[in-house]
Amino acid sequence: MWNFIKGVFKFIFALTFFTTLAVGVGAAVLAYVFKKDFEEIESKTKEIVSDIENNIG
């Protein structure tokens, strides 16, 4: 019975560890992708603002 309880706790610990690891890696990848997309949007916005300022002036 004691071995069964230890096995259940090991399983729960391993499942929690790998789930946390997967979520952490997933969050890091999403943060990188969103940062890259945000920088691209920011540069396009600056380009559009510059074009507008040049056409007005």
C-alpha atoms as a PDB file:
ATOM      1  CA  MET A   1       0.000   0.000   0.000  1.00  0.00           C
ATOM      2  CA  TRP A   2       2.834   2.401   0.880  1.00  0.00           C
ATOM      3  CA  ASN A   3       4.511   1.755  -2.492  1.00  0.00           C
ATOM      4  CA  PHE A   4       1.247   2.555  -4.261  1.00  0.00           C
ATOM      5  CA  ILE A   5       0.964   5.897  -2.449  1.00  0.00           C
ATOM      6  CA  LYS A   6       4.596   6.735  -3.234  1.00  0.00           C
ATOM      7  CA  GLY A   7       3.985   5.845  -6.874  1.00  0.00           C
ATOM      8  CA  VAL A   8       0.932   8.096  -7.054  1.00  0.00           C
ATOM      9  CA  PHE A   9       2.865  11.006  -5.545  1.00  0.00           C
ATOM     10  CA  LYS A  10       5.770  10.472  -7.954  1.00  0.00           C
ATOM     11  CA  PHE A  11       3.349  10.386 -10.878  1.00  0.00           C
ATOM     12  CA  ILE A  12       1.617  13.588  -9.744  1.00  0.00           C
ATOM     13  CA  PHE A  13       4.969  15.312  -9.175  1.00  0.00           C
ATOM     14  CA  ALA A  14       6.291  14.278 -12.586  1.00  0.00           C
ATOM     15  CA  LEU A  15       3.068  15.322 -14.304  1.00  0.00           C
ATOM     16  CA  THR A  16       3.142  18.701 -12.566  1.00  0.00           C
ATOM     17  CA  PHE A  17       6.812  19.210 -13.408  1.00  0.00           C
ATOM     18  CA  PHE A  18       6.453  18.426 -17.108  1.00  0.00           C
ATOM     19  CA  THR A  19       3.248  20.435 -17.416  1.00  0.00           C
ATOM     20  CA  THR A  20       4.914  23.438 -15.814  1.00  0.00           C
ATOM     21  CA  LEU A  21       7.918  23.022 -18.076  1.00  0.00           C
ATOM     22  CA  ALA A  22       5.733  22.831 -21.194  1.00  0.00           C
ATOM     23  CA  VAL A  23       3.715  25.883 -20.177  1.00  0.00           C
ATOM     24  CA  GLY A  24       6.893  27.837 -19.463  1.00  0.00           C
ATOM     25  CA  VAL A  25       8.451  26.985 -22.808  1.00  0.00           C
ATOM     26  CA  GLY A  26       5.180  27.767 -24.575  1.00  0.00           C
ATOM     27  CA  ALA A  27       4.949  31.151 -22.868  1.00  0.00           C
ATOM     28  CA  ALA A  28       8.538  31.981 -23.821  1.00  0.00           C
ATOM     29  CA  VAL A  29       7.905  31.081 -27.459  1.00  0.00           C
ATOM     30  CA  LEU A  30       4.700  33.139 -27.562  1.00  0.00           C
ATOM     31  CA  ALA A  31       6.450  36.111 -25.952  1.00  0.00           C
ATOM     32  CA  TYR A  32       9.222  35.938 -28.572  1.00  0.00           C
ATOM     33  CA  VAL A  33       6.745  35.708 -31.458  1.00  0.00           C
ATOM     34  CA  PHE A  34       4.577  38.553 -30.145  1.00  0.00           C
ATOM     35  CA  LYS A  35       7.645  40.727 -29.533  1.00  0.00           C
ATOM     36  CA  LYS A  36       8.808  40.127 -33.095  1.00  0.00           C
ATOM     37  CA  ASP A  37       5.350  40.936 -34.488  1.00  0.00           C
ATOM     38  CA  PHE A  38       5.076  44.039 -32.308  1.00  0.00           C
ATOM     39  CA  GLU A  39       8.437  45.329 -33.534  1.00  0.00           C
ATOM     40  CA  GLU A  40       7.324  44.784 -37.134  1.00  0.00           C
ATOM     41  CA  ILE A  41       4.052  46.647 -36.522  1.00  0.00           C
ATOM     42  CA  GLU A  42       5.934  49.438 -34.765  1.00  0.00           C
ATOM     43  CA  SER A  43       8.343  49.898 -37.687  1.00  0.00           C
ATOM     44  CA  LYS A  44       5.490  49.926 -40.213  1.00  0.00           C
ATOM     45  CA  THR A  45       3.625  52.492 -38.111  1.00  0.00           C
ATOM     46  CA  LYS A  46       6.706  54.743 -37.967  1.00  0.00           C
ATOM     47  CA  GLU A  47       7.063  54.405 -41.739  1.00  0.00           C
ATOM     48  CA  ILE A  48       3.419  55.373 -42.299  1.00  0.00           C
ATOM     49  CA  VAL A  49       3.701  58.352 -39.929  1.00  0.00           C
ATOM     50  CA  SER A  50       6.857  59.482 -41.714  1.00  0.00           C
ATOM     51  CA  ASP A  51       5.132  59.246 -45.107  1.00  0.00           C
ATOM     52  CA  ILE A  52       2.179  61.265 -43.810  1.00  0.00           C
ATOM     53  CA  GLU A  53       4.468  63.920 -42.335  1.00  0.00           C
ATOM     54  CA  ASN A  54       6.404  64.177 -45.614  1.00  0.00           C
ATOM     55  CA  ASN A  55       3.220  64.558 -47.676  1.00  0.00           C
ATOM     56  CA  ILE A  56       1.816  67.239 -45.381  1.00  0.00           C
ATOM     57  CA  GLY A  57       5.014  69.271 -45.220  1.00  0.00           C
END
